[in-house]
Amino acid sequence: MNLTFASSFWKQAGLISLVLSVLSLSIATRAVAQEKMLRTLTVSGRGVENIPTTLTQVRLGVEVQGKVAADVQQEAARRSAAVVELLKSRNVEKLETTGISLNPIYSYENNVQRLTGYSATNIVSFRIDTQKAGTLLDEAVKAGATRIDGISFVADDSAIASAQKQALREATQDAQAQADAVLSSLNLTRREIVNIQVNGAVVPPPRPIPIADMAMRSESLAKTTPVIGGEQEVEASVTLQISY
């Protein structure tokens, strides 16, 4: 009985060992096959959309100089209030104060510094339809604005959102085209996309266009200031990992 039991035990142990060896070989073979199947190519595609700008971003304000600090500040506040009231009446967008300052003015004679007065500045920024920007700039100067620090042009939010989607589509197509070109030159076939990375659809900030400070009488404005927009670029990038 003992010999029979021992013989049966070793037969079963041998069978188990054989099964484990077969499984190990199968797993190893499968791993090699998967490794071959998961050969991948990584490519990045780029898409660019140019859309017309329809809004003008403006920075303008009031600068007043005088002998007494309190008087200068009050005059700057009075003129700024008039300008802001005008802008609100024209329903401009994103109106906000971007700078308030009161600084001493000095003169230098024979290496001697002498206080001669004060300069107060109040700057606001806002957006308006580009077609209305020129007229509003002239009206702002008449209302009391004495400086225009710069303008820039942007597209509206809905146009930018649409351009971002289109740029992403173009970037994806560009990445796939690059992969096809590389693989076909090597007599390989593109298979599945195993990973997708959206690097974003970037809207560069509008480039400011500097304008010299304006200190003019309203009577000198014979014509409407011309304001002409341009185009805004929206760029997207997509990275694909493709098996072959």
C-alpha atoms as a PDB file:
ATOM      1  CA  MET A   1       0.000   0.000   0.000  1.00  0.00           C
ATOM      2  CA  ASN A   2       2.763   2.406   0.860  1.00  0.00           C
ATOM      3  CA  LEU A   3       4.629   1.706  -2.400  1.00  0.00           C
ATOM      4  CA  THR A   4       1.446   2.135  -4.424  1.00  0.00           C
ATOM      5  CA  PHE A   5       0.646   5.407  -2.658  1.00  0.00           C
ATOM      6  CA  ALA A   6       4.170   6.737  -3.197  1.00  0.00           C
ATOM      7  CA  SER A   7       4.113   5.800  -6.858  1.00  0.00           C
ATOM      8  CA  SER A   8       0.760   7.547  -7.346  1.00  0.00           C
ATOM      9  CA  PHE A   9       2.010  10.633  -5.507  1.00  0.00           C
ATOM     10  CA  TRP A  10       5.091  11.010  -7.681  1.00  0.00           C
ATOM     11  CA  LYS A  11       3.060  10.495 -10.840  1.00  0.00           C
ATOM     12  CA  GLN A  12       0.702  13.294  -9.811  1.00  0.00           C
ATOM     13  CA  ALA A  13       3.629  15.507  -8.851  1.00  0.00           C
ATOM     14  CA  GLY A  14       5.220  14.896 -12.240  1.00  0.00           C
ATOM     15  CA  LEU A  15       1.969  15.704 -14.000  1.00  0.00           C
ATOM     16  CA  ILE A  16       1.598  18.958 -12.043  1.00  0.00           C
ATOM     17  CA  SER A  17       5.179  19.904 -12.868  1.00  0.00           C
ATOM     18  CA  LEU A  18       4.542  19.245 -16.553  1.00  0.00           C
ATOM     19  CA  VAL A  19       1.367  21.336 -16.501  1.00  0.00           C
ATOM     20  CA  LEU A  20       3.207  24.216 -14.796  1.00  0.00           C
ATOM     21  CA  SER A  21       5.986  24.038 -17.369  1.00  0.00           C
ATOM     22  CA  VAL A  22       3.472  24.174 -20.211  1.00  0.00           C
ATOM     23  CA  LEU A  23       1.693  27.137 -18.584  1.00  0.00           C
ATOM     24  CA  SER A  24       4.978  28.973 -18.073  1.00  0.00           C
ATOM     25  CA  LEU A  25       5.920  28.404 -21.700  1.00  0.00           C
ATOM     26  CA  SER A  26       2.477  29.552 -22.822  1.00  0.00           C
ATOM     27  CA  ILE A  27       2.678  32.717 -20.708  1.00  0.00           C
ATOM     28  CA  ALA A  28       6.179  33.476 -21.985  1.00  0.00           C
ATOM     29  CA  THR A  29       5.089  32.920 -25.576  1.00  0.00           C
ATOM     30  CA  ARG A  30       2.080  35.151 -25.070  1.00  0.00           C
ATOM     31  CA  ALA A  31       4.244  37.871 -23.508  1.00  0.00           C
ATOM     32  CA  VAL A  32       6.593  37.783 -26.499  1.00  0.00           C
ATOM     33  CA  ALA A  33       3.624  37.938 -28.869  1.00  0.00           C
ATOM     34  CA  GLN A  34       2.127  40.862 -26.966  1.00  0.00           C
ATOM     35  CA  GLU A  35       5.462  42.635 -26.986  1.00  0.00           C
ATOM     36  CA  LYS A  36       5.573  42.298 -30.757  1.00  0.00           C
ATOM     37  CA  MET A  37       1.995  43.477 -31.082  1.00  0.00           C
ATOM     38  CA  LEU A  38       2.589  46.510 -28.834  1.00  0.00           C
ATOM     39  CA  ARG A  39       5.341  48.061 -30.902  1.00  0.00           C
ATOM     40  CA  THR A  40       4.331  51.708 -30.959  1.00  0.00           C
ATOM     41  CA  LEU A  41       5.114  54.939 -32.745  1.00  0.00           C
ATOM     42  CA  THR A  42       4.587  58.285 -31.008  1.00  0.00           C
ATOM     43  CA  VAL A  43       3.780  61.330 -33.137  1.00  0.00           C
ATOM     44  CA  SER A  44       2.657  64.876 -32.373  1.00  0.00           C
ATOM     45  CA  GLY A  45       0.366  66.783 -34.705  1.00  0.00           C
ATOM     46  CA  ARG A  46      -0.277  70.508 -34.938  1.00  0.00           C
ATOM     47  CA  GLY A  47      -3.341  72.412 -36.043  1.00  0.00           C
ATOM     48  CA  VAL A  48      -3.691  76.157 -36.576  1.00  0.00           C
ATOM     49  CA  GLU A  49      -6.811  78.215 -37.193  1.00  0.00           C
ATOM     50  CA  ASN A  50      -6.845  81.928 -37.986  1.00  0.00           C
ATOM     51  CA  ILE A  51     -10.067  83.737 -37.177  1.00  0.00           C
ATOM     52  CA  PRO A  52     -11.029  87.381 -37.661  1.00  0.00           C
ATOM     53  CA  THR A  53     -10.996  89.622 -34.616  1.00  0.00           C
ATOM     54  CA  THR A  54     -14.193  91.480 -33.873  1.00  0.00           C
ATOM     55  CA  LEU A  55     -13.460  93.051 -30.478  1.00  0.00           C
ATOM     56  CA  THR A  56     -10.995  95.765 -29.510  1.00  0.00           C
ATOM     57  CA  GLN A  57      -9.334  95.783 -26.094  1.00  0.00           C
ATOM     58  CA  VAL A  58      -8.542  99.378 -25.089  1.00  0.00           C
ATOM     59  CA  ARG A  59      -6.456 100.910 -22.306  1.00  0.00           C
ATOM     60  CA  LEU A  60      -7.047 104.602 -21.815  1.00  0.00           C
ATOM     61  CA  GLY A  61      -7.205 107.087 -18.992  1.00  0.00           C
ATOM     62  CA  VAL A  62      -6.633 110.496 -17.516  1.00  0.00           C
ATOM     63  CA  GLU A  63      -3.359 112.140 -16.552  1.00  0.00           C
ATOM     64  CA  VAL A  64      -3.396 115.477 -14.706  1.00  0.00           C
ATOM     65  CA  GLN A  65      -0.485 117.601 -13.488  1.00  0.00           C
ATOM     66  CA  GLY A  66      -0.473 120.488 -11.024  1.00  0.00           C
ATOM     67  CA  LYS A  67       1.147 122.118  -8.045  1.00  0.00           C
ATOM     68  CA  VAL A  68      -0.996 120.711  -5.213  1.00  0.00           C
ATOM     69  CA  ALA A  69      -1.352 116.943  -4.755  1.00  0.00           C
ATOM     70  CA  ALA A  70      -4.955 117.056  -3.486  1.00  0.00           C
ATOM     71  CA  ASP A  71      -6.089 119.310  -6.334  1.00  0.00           C
ATOM     72  CA  VAL A  72      -4.399 117.108  -8.929  1.00  0.00           C
ATOM     73  CA  GLN A  73      -5.972 113.957  -7.519  1.00  0.00           C
ATOM     74  CA  GLN A  74      -9.449 115.516  -7.382  1.00  0.00           C
ATOM     75  CA  GLU A  75      -9.222 116.738 -10.968  1.00  0.00           C
ATOM     76  CA  ALA A  76      -8.072 113.311 -12.150  1.00  0.00           C
ATOM     77  CA  ALA A  77     -10.983 111.715 -10.276  1.00  0.00           C
ATOM     78  CA  ARG A  78     -13.481 114.171 -11.805  1.00  0.00           C
ATOM     79  CA  ARG A  79     -12.303 113.551 -15.362  1.00  0.00           C
ATOM     80  CA  SER A  80     -12.062 109.786 -14.811  1.00  0.00           C
ATOM     81  CA  ALA A  81     -15.639 109.687 -13.530  1.00  0.00           C
ATOM     82  CA  ALA A  82     -16.821 111.422 -16.686  1.00  0.00           C
ATOM     83  CA  VAL A  83     -14.916 108.981 -18.895  1.00  0.00           C
ATOM     84  CA  VAL A  84     -16.216 105.953 -17.006  1.00  0.00           C
ATOM     85  CA  GLU A  85     -19.789 107.255 -17.203  1.00  0.00           C
ATOM     86  CA  LEU A  86     -19.401 107.557 -20.967  1.00  0.00           C
ATOM     87  CA  LEU A  87     -18.008 104.035 -21.288  1.00  0.00           C
ATOM     88  CA  LYS A  88     -20.843 102.573 -19.221  1.00  0.00           C
ATOM     89  CA  SER A  89     -23.398 104.400 -21.368  1.00  0.00           C
ATOM     90  CA  ARG A  90     -21.857 102.720 -24.451  1.00  0.00           C
ATOM     91  CA  ASN A  91     -22.223  99.279 -22.838  1.00  0.00           C
ATOM     92  CA  VAL A  92     -18.554  98.343 -23.149  1.00  0.00           C
ATOM     93  CA  GLU A  93     -17.486  94.896 -21.920  1.00  0.00           C
ATOM     94  CA  LYS A  94     -15.078  93.997 -19.105  1.00  0.00           C
ATOM     95  CA  LEU A  95     -14.661  97.551 -17.872  1.00  0.00           C
ATOM     96  CA  GLU A  96     -12.145  97.706 -15.017  1.00  0.00           C
ATOM     97  CA  THR A  97      -9.608 100.016 -13.439  1.00  0.00           C
ATOM     98  CA  THR A  98      -6.071  98.861 -14.234  1.00  0.00           C
ATOM     99  CA  GLY A  99      -4.023 101.605 -12.618  1.00  0.00           C
ATOM    100  CA  ILE A 100      -4.208 104.578 -10.251  1.00  0.00           C
ATOM    101  CA  SER A 101      -1.148 106.617  -9.343  1.00  0.00           C
ATOM    102  CA  LEU A 102      -0.092 109.925  -7.806  1.00  0.00           C
ATOM    103  CA  ASN A 103       3.581 110.812  -8.204  1.00  0.00           C
ATOM    104  CA  PRO A 104       5.739 113.842  -7.428  1.00  0.00           C
ATOM    105  CA  ILE A 105       7.410 115.729 -10.270  1.00  0.00           C
ATOM    106  CA  TYR A 106      10.950 116.952  -9.758  1.00  0.00           C
ATOM    107  CA  SER A 107      13.233 119.244 -11.692  1.00  0.00           C
ATOM    108  CA  TYR A 108      17.005 119.104 -11.543  1.00  0.00           C
ATOM    109  CA  GLU A 109      19.168 122.198 -11.777  1.00  0.00           C
ATOM    110  CA  ASN A 110      22.852 122.278 -10.880  1.00  0.00           C
ATOM    111  CA  ASN A 111      22.507 118.797  -9.383  1.00  0.00           C
ATOM    112  CA  VAL A 112      19.805 120.050  -7.051  1.00  0.00           C
ATOM    113  CA  GLN A 113      16.448 118.248  -6.913  1.00  0.00           C
ATOM    114  CA  ARG A 114      13.396 120.464  -6.539  1.00  0.00           C
ATOM    115  CA  LEU A 115       9.743 119.451  -6.206  1.00  0.00           C
ATOM    116  CA  THR A 116       7.733 121.230  -8.900  1.00  0.00           C
ATOM    117  CA  GLY A 117       4.357 119.497  -8.719  1.00  0.00           C
ATOM    118  CA  TYR A 118       2.408 116.261  -8.928  1.00  0.00           C
ATOM    119  CA  SER A 119       1.058 113.933 -11.606  1.00  0.00           C
ATOM    120  CA  ALA A 120      -2.088 111.833 -11.095  1.00  0.00           C
ATOM    121  CA  THR A 121      -3.062 109.014 -13.437  1.00  0.00           C
ATOM    122  CA  ASN A 122      -6.170 106.836 -13.630  1.00  0.00           C
ATOM    123  CA  ILE A 123      -6.242 104.072 -16.279  1.00  0.00           C
ATOM    124  CA  VAL A 124      -9.141 101.794 -17.265  1.00  0.00           C
ATOM    125  CA  SER A 125      -9.457  98.955 -19.742  1.00  0.00           C
ATOM    126  CA  PHE A 126     -12.483  97.653 -21.641  1.00  0.00           C
ATOM    127  CA  ARG A 127     -13.646  95.822 -24.741  1.00  0.00           C
ATOM    128  CA  ILE A 128     -15.902  97.047 -27.482  1.00  0.00           C
ATOM    129  CA  ASP A 129     -16.961  96.041 -30.982  1.00  0.00           C
ATOM    130  CA  THR A 130     -14.131  97.043 -33.307  1.00  0.00           C
ATOM    131  CA  GLN A 131     -16.503  98.892 -35.622  1.00  0.00           C
ATOM    132  CA  LYS A 132     -17.431 101.199 -32.726  1.00  0.00           C
ATOM    133  CA  ALA A 133     -13.956 101.615 -31.246  1.00  0.00           C
ATOM    134  CA  GLY A 134     -12.815 104.636 -33.268  1.00  0.00           C
ATOM    135  CA  THR A 135     -15.872 106.715 -32.470  1.00  0.00           C
ATOM    136  CA  LEU A 136     -15.696 105.796 -28.786  1.00  0.00           C
ATOM    137  CA  LEU A 137     -12.024 106.761 -28.549  1.00  0.00           C
ATOM    138  CA  ASP A 138     -12.837 110.210 -29.872  1.00  0.00           C
ATOM    139  CA  GLU A 139     -15.751 110.555 -27.484  1.00  0.00           C
ATOM    140  CA  ALA A 140     -13.569 109.476 -24.555  1.00  0.00           C
ATOM    141  CA  VAL A 141     -11.032 112.201 -25.351  1.00  0.00           C
ATOM    142  CA  LYS A 142     -13.817 114.766 -25.486  1.00  0.00           C
ATOM    143  CA  ALA A 143     -15.081 113.491 -22.117  1.00  0.00           C
ATOM    144  CA  GLY A 144     -11.690 114.022 -20.476  1.00  0.00           C
ATOM    145  CA  ALA A 145      -9.331 111.185 -21.427  1.00  0.00           C
ATOM    146  CA  THR A 146      -5.826 112.476 -22.085  1.00  0.00           C
ATOM    147  CA  ARG A 147      -3.972 109.272 -22.912  1.00  0.00           C
ATOM    148  CA  ILE A 148      -4.537 106.061 -24.827  1.00  0.00           C
ATOM    149  CA  ASP A 149      -1.975 103.491 -23.715  1.00  0.00           C
ATOM    150  CA  GLY A 150      -2.727 100.877 -26.329  1.00  0.00           C
ATOM    151  CA  ILE A 151      -5.233  98.673 -28.083  1.00  0.00           C
ATOM    152  CA  SER A 152      -5.319  95.011 -29.069  1.00  0.00           C
ATOM    153  CA  PHE A 153      -7.721  92.905 -31.076  1.00  0.00           C
ATOM    154  CA  VAL A 154      -9.435  89.647 -30.069  1.00  0.00           C
ATOM    155  CA  ALA A 155     -12.135  87.354 -31.418  1.00  0.00           C
ATOM    156  CA  ASP A 156     -15.298  86.731 -29.459  1.00  0.00           C
ATOM    157  CA  ASP A 157     -15.527  83.712 -27.142  1.00  0.00           C
ATOM    158  CA  SER A 158     -17.792  81.613 -29.367  1.00  0.00           C
ATOM    159  CA  ALA A 159     -15.495  82.033 -32.379  1.00  0.00           C
ATOM    160  CA  ILE A 160     -12.467  81.082 -30.285  1.00  0.00           C
ATOM    161  CA  ALA A 161     -14.214  77.954 -28.930  1.00  0.00           C
ATOM    162  CA  SER A 162     -15.133  76.855 -32.450  1.00  0.00           C
ATOM    163  CA  ALA A 163     -11.599  77.488 -33.696  1.00  0.00           C
ATOM    164  CA  GLN A 164     -10.139  75.465 -30.818  1.00  0.00           C
ATOM    165  CA  LYS A 165     -12.212  72.409 -31.782  1.00  0.00           C
ATOM    166  CA  GLN A 166     -11.235  72.729 -35.440  1.00  0.00           C
ATOM    167  CA  ALA A 167      -7.554  73.137 -34.548  1.00  0.00           C
ATOM    168  CA  LEU A 168      -7.723  69.962 -32.435  1.00  0.00           C
ATOM    169  CA  ARG A 169      -9.250  68.063 -35.360  1.00  0.00           C
ATOM    170  CA  GLU A 170      -6.500  69.317 -37.648  1.00  0.00           C
ATOM    171  CA  ALA A 171      -3.820  68.372 -35.111  1.00  0.00           C
ATOM    172  CA  THR A 172      -5.212  64.835 -34.837  1.00  0.00           C
ATOM    173  CA  GLN A 173      -5.312  64.423 -38.609  1.00  0.00           C
ATOM    174  CA  ASP A 174      -1.775  65.795 -38.871  1.00  0.00           C
ATOM    175  CA  ALA A 175      -0.486  63.272 -36.330  1.00  0.00           C
ATOM    176  CA  GLN A 176      -2.149  60.387 -38.158  1.00  0.00           C
ATOM    177  CA  ALA A 177      -0.750  61.559 -41.500  1.00  0.00           C
ATOM    178  CA  GLN A 178       2.746  61.698 -40.040  1.00  0.00           C
ATOM    179  CA  ALA A 179       2.404  58.178 -38.657  1.00  0.00           C
ATOM    180  CA  ASP A 180       1.180  56.839 -42.005  1.00  0.00           C
ATOM    181  CA  ALA A 181       4.084  58.477 -43.840  1.00  0.00           C
ATOM    182  CA  VAL A 182       6.686  56.944 -41.503  1.00  0.00           C
ATOM    183  CA  LEU A 183       5.165  53.484 -41.337  1.00  0.00           C
ATOM    184  CA  SER A 184       4.485  53.193 -45.055  1.00  0.00           C
ATOM    185  CA  SER A 185       8.102  54.085 -45.839  1.00  0.00           C
ATOM    186  CA  LEU A 186       9.118  51.116 -43.647  1.00  0.00           C
ATOM    187  CA  ASN A 187       6.499  48.769 -45.152  1.00  0.00           C
ATOM    188  CA  LEU A 188       4.657  48.683 -41.838  1.00  0.00           C
ATOM    189  CA  THR A 189       0.951  49.043 -41.181  1.00  0.00           C
ATOM    190  CA  ARG A 190      -0.683  51.359 -38.711  1.00  0.00           C
ATOM    191  CA  ARG A 191      -2.936  49.525 -36.261  1.00  0.00           C
ATOM    192  CA  GLU A 192      -4.625  50.894 -33.151  1.00  0.00           C
ATOM    193  CA  ILE A 193      -4.200  54.163 -31.310  1.00  0.00           C
ATOM    194  CA  VAL A 194      -3.230  53.038 -27.819  1.00  0.00           C
ATOM    195  CA  ASN A 195      -2.795  56.447 -26.198  1.00  0.00           C
ATOM    196  CA  ILE A 196      -3.987  59.995 -26.850  1.00  0.00           C
ATOM    197  CA  GLN A 197      -2.585  63.127 -25.267  1.00  0.00           C
ATOM    198  CA  VAL A 198      -4.257  66.453 -25.932  1.00  0.00           C
ATOM    199  CA  ASN A 199      -1.656  69.133 -25.360  1.00  0.00           C
ATOM    200  CA  GLY A 200      -4.244  71.866 -25.534  1.00  0.00           C
ATOM    201  CA  ALA A 201      -5.650  74.455 -27.902  1.00  0.00           C
ATOM    202  CA  VAL A 202      -3.727  77.605 -27.119  1.00  0.00           C
ATOM    203  CA  VAL A 203      -4.972  81.111 -27.774  1.00  0.00           C
ATOM    204  CA  PRO A 204      -1.981  83.471 -27.610  1.00  0.00           C
ATOM    205  CA  PRO A 205      -2.686  86.722 -25.776  1.00  0.00           C
ATOM    206  CA  PRO A 206      -3.528  89.601 -28.079  1.00  0.00           C
ATOM    207  CA  ARG A 207      -0.510  91.631 -29.108  1.00  0.00           C
ATOM    208  CA  PRO A 208      -0.876  95.188 -27.829  1.00  0.00           C
ATOM    209  CA  ILE A 209      -0.520  97.961 -30.363  1.00  0.00           C
ATOM    210  CA  PRO A 210       1.037 100.979 -28.647  1.00  0.00           C
ATOM    211  CA  ILE A 211      -0.455 104.370 -29.284  1.00  0.00           C
ATOM    212  CA  ALA A 212       1.256 107.603 -28.319  1.00  0.00           C
ATOM    213  CA  ASP A 213      -0.295 109.492 -25.415  1.00  0.00           C
ATOM    214  CA  MET A 214      -3.002 111.873 -26.511  1.00  0.00           C
ATOM    215  CA  ALA A 215      -3.278 115.361 -25.043  1.00  0.00           C
ATOM    216  CA  MET A 216      -5.445 117.231 -27.471  1.00  0.00           C
ATOM    217  CA  ARG A 217      -8.401 119.535 -27.601  1.00  0.00           C
ATOM    218  CA  SER A 218     -11.659 118.038 -28.823  1.00  0.00           C
ATOM    219  CA  GLU A 219     -11.857 120.674 -31.556  1.00  0.00           C
ATOM    220  CA  SER A 220      -8.822 119.115 -33.244  1.00  0.00           C
ATOM    221  CA  LEU A 221     -10.677 115.833 -33.875  1.00  0.00           C
ATOM    222  CA  ALA A 222     -11.913 116.485 -37.365  1.00  0.00           C
ATOM    223  CA  LYS A 223     -12.414 112.815 -38.236  1.00  0.00           C
ATOM    224  CA  THR A 224     -13.143 109.540 -36.462  1.00  0.00           C
ATOM    225  CA  THR A 225     -10.022 107.693 -35.383  1.00  0.00           C
ATOM    226  CA  PRO A 226      -9.652 104.659 -37.697  1.00  0.00           C
ATOM    227  CA  VAL A 227      -9.457 101.313 -35.864  1.00  0.00           C
ATOM    228  CA  ILE A 228      -8.976  98.228 -38.042  1.00  0.00           C
ATOM    229  CA  GLY A 229      -8.790  94.720 -36.607  1.00  0.00           C
ATOM    230  CA  GLY A 230      -6.948  91.699 -37.950  1.00  0.00           C
ATOM    231  CA  GLU A 231      -6.778  87.965 -37.281  1.00  0.00           C
ATOM    232  CA  GLN A 232      -6.160  85.878 -34.181  1.00  0.00           C
ATOM    233  CA  GLU A 233      -4.326  82.564 -34.264  1.00  0.00           C
ATOM    234  CA  VAL A 234      -5.537  79.494 -32.375  1.00  0.00           C
ATOM    235  CA  GLU A 235      -3.053  76.613 -32.167  1.00  0.00           C
ATOM    236  CA  ALA A 236      -3.623  73.037 -30.971  1.00  0.00           C
ATOM    237  CA  SER A 237      -1.315  70.063 -30.423  1.00  0.00           C
ATOM    238  CA  VAL A 238      -2.197  66.371 -30.098  1.00  0.00           C
ATOM    239  CA  THR A 239       0.180  63.450 -29.401  1.00  0.00           C
ATOM    240  CA  LEU A 240      -0.815  59.933 -30.506  1.00  0.00           C
ATOM    241  CA  GLN A 241       0.790  56.613 -29.598  1.00  0.00           C
ATOM    242  CA  ILE A 242       0.017  54.154 -32.384  1.00  0.00           C
ATOM    243  CA  SER A 243       0.733  50.460 -32.528  1.00  0.00           C
ATOM    244  CA  TYR A 244       2.053  48.804 -35.694  1.00  0.00           C
END
